[in-house]
Amino acid sequence: MRRDPLFEECLANVPAEVFAEVNLNIDIANRIADILHEKKMTQREFASLMGKRESEVSRWLTGSHGFTTKTLAKMASVLGEDIIEVKKHMAPQIIVMPVNCFYAFNDAQSKSFTNTEPAFCQLQYHN
């Protein structure tokens, strides 16, 4: 396939983040289209469930329209499936951090508490 040199020059000047955004929009659009196909749902039915015009759904499915997290959440709710998957971090099982722990030693001769040096304490987290 022969490409126009002017097109190639313009393409070379597109920032990397724009390519990344377009590719992400297309990936999301393909995911939505796949779910609609699996559920045998038309764009019109989907638009109605989303409370949107069919033309807006069409722009979503061409990848030419960005998505807000609110819209993605509503799509997932309407379709009953996740649209995108975000890696969730597991909660740490043990947290070690510096805190002031005061050790009090009873000095038998003076009948007073003497040592109040800070130390590292280990806290255990259970979910």
Protein backbone atom coordinates (compact mmCIF):
# COMPACT_ATOMS: atom_id res chain seq x y z
CA MET A 1 0.00 0.00 0.00
CA ARG A 2 1.46 3.33 -1.08
CA ARG A 3 1.25 6.16 1.46
CA ASP A 4 1.32 9.84 0.70
CA PRO A 5 4.57 11.56 1.82
CA LEU A 6 2.62 14.52 3.23
CA PHE A 7 0.50 12.11 5.29
CA GLU A 8 3.66 10.40 6.55
CA GLU A 9 5.14 13.77 7.54
CA CYS A 10 1.99 14.77 9.43
CA LEU A 11 1.87 11.39 11.13
CA ALA A 12 5.47 11.77 12.28
CA ASN A 13 4.53 14.98 14.11
CA VAL A 14 1.75 13.41 16.18
CA PRO A 15 2.79 13.14 19.86
CA ALA A 16 3.08 9.63 21.32
CA GLU A 17 0.36 10.31 23.91
CA VAL A 18 -2.13 11.06 21.11
CA PHE A 19 -1.38 7.67 19.52
CA ALA A 20 -1.79 6.04 22.94
CA GLU A 21 -5.14 7.78 23.51
CA VAL A 22 -6.48 6.82 20.08
CA ASN A 23 -5.38 3.20 20.53
CA LEU A 24 -6.99 3.06 23.97
CA ASN A 25 -10.26 4.49 22.61
CA ILE A 26 -10.24 1.93 19.81
CA ASP A 27 -9.54 -0.93 22.24
CA ILE A 28 -12.45 0.19 24.45
CA ALA A 29 -14.72 0.60 21.42
CA ASN A 30 -13.84 -2.92 20.26
CA ARG A 31 -14.59 -4.32 23.72
CA ILE A 32 -18.01 -2.65 23.73
CA ALA A 33 -18.75 -3.88 20.20
CA ASP A 34 -17.77 -7.44 21.20
CA ILE A 35 -20.09 -7.36 24.22
CA LEU A 36 -22.96 -5.98 22.12
CA HIS A 37 -22.38 -8.74 19.56
CA GLU A 38 -22.28 -11.46 22.28
CA LYS A 39 -25.52 -10.14 23.77
CA LYS A 40 -27.10 -9.73 20.32
CA MET A 41 -27.82 -6.11 21.22
CA THR A 42 -28.09 -3.34 18.63
CA GLN A 43 -26.55 0.11 18.93
CA ARG A 44 -30.07 1.50 19.14
CA GLU A 45 -30.97 -0.79 22.08
CA PHE A 46 -27.72 0.05 23.82
CA ALA A 47 -28.24 3.79 23.27
CA SER A 48 -31.74 3.52 24.73
CA LEU A 49 -30.47 1.70 27.84
CA MET A 50 -27.70 4.30 28.24
CA GLY A 51 -30.12 7.22 27.80
CA LYS A 52 -28.07 8.45 24.81
CA ARG A 53 -28.65 9.10 21.13
CA GLU A 54 -27.66 6.35 18.73
CA SER A 55 -25.30 8.81 17.02
CA GLU A 56 -23.28 9.14 20.24
CA VAL A 57 -23.01 5.36 20.58
CA SER A 58 -21.88 5.25 16.96
CA ARG A 59 -19.08 7.75 17.74
CA TRP A 60 -18.07 5.60 20.73
CA LEU A 61 -17.89 2.48 18.60
CA THR A 62 -15.71 4.10 15.94
CA GLY A 63 -13.18 5.06 18.60
CA SER A 64 -13.47 8.73 17.65
CA HIS A 65 -15.02 9.76 20.96
CA GLY A 66 -13.33 9.58 24.37
CA PHE A 67 -14.85 7.96 27.44
CA THR A 68 -15.25 9.32 30.95
CA THR A 69 -14.99 6.96 33.90
CA LYS A 70 -18.63 7.80 34.68
CA THR A 71 -19.69 6.67 31.20
CA LEU A 72 -17.57 3.52 31.40
CA ALA A 73 -19.12 2.66 34.78
CA LYS A 74 -22.64 3.15 33.40
CA MET A 75 -21.81 1.02 30.34
CA ALA A 76 -20.55 -1.77 32.59
CA SER A 77 -23.72 -1.55 34.67
CA VAL A 78 -26.01 -1.56 31.62
CA LEU A 79 -24.14 -4.42 29.92
CA GLY A 80 -23.50 -6.41 33.09
CA GLU A 81 -19.80 -6.79 32.21
CA ASP A 82 -16.61 -4.87 32.86
CA ILE A 83 -15.57 -2.67 29.95
CA ILE A 84 -12.01 -2.20 31.12
CA GLU A 85 -10.04 -4.03 33.77
CA VAL A 86 -7.78 -2.17 36.12
CA LYS A 87 -5.16 -4.07 38.05
CA LYS A 88 -6.07 -3.81 41.70
CA HIS A 89 -3.33 -3.79 44.29
CA MET A 90 -3.68 -6.26 47.12
CA ALA A 91 -3.78 -4.81 50.59
CA PRO A 92 -0.48 -5.26 52.42
CA GLN A 93 -0.46 -7.97 55.02
CA ILE A 94 2.22 -6.37 57.20
CA ILE A 95 3.01 -2.69 57.52
CA VAL A 96 6.29 -1.62 59.09
CA MET A 97 6.62 2.04 59.91
CA PRO A 98 8.37 4.20 62.45
CA VAL A 99 6.14 5.19 65.32
CA ASN A 100 6.91 6.42 68.77
CA CYS A 101 6.70 3.44 71.11
CA PHE A 102 7.76 4.29 74.60
CA TYR A 103 9.29 1.58 76.70
CA ALA A 104 8.95 2.28 80.38
CA PHE A 105 11.31 0.53 82.73
CA ASN A 106 10.69 0.68 86.42
CA ASP A 107 13.92 1.66 88.07
CA ALA A 108 13.68 -0.19 91.37
CA GLN A 109 15.96 2.24 93.16
CA SER A 110 14.34 5.52 92.08
CA LYS A 111 10.84 4.14 91.68
CA SER A 112 10.52 6.05 88.38
CA PHE A 113 10.10 5.24 84.69
CA THR A 114 13.25 6.17 82.80
CA ASN A 115 13.52 5.00 79.12
CA THR A 116 11.33 6.69 76.54
CA GLU A 117 13.30 6.07 73.31
CA PRO A 118 11.37 5.68 70.04
CA ALA A 119 11.51 2.27 68.34
CA PHE A 120 10.19 0.58 65.19
CA CYS A 121 6.92 -1.23 65.73
CA GLN A 122 5.33 -3.76 63.42
CA LEU A 123 1.61 -3.59 62.81
CA GLN A 124 -0.29 -6.45 61.28
CA TYR A 125 -3.17 -5.76 58.91
CA HIS A 126 -6.06 -8.19 58.51
CA ASN A 127 -8.82 -7.64 55.98
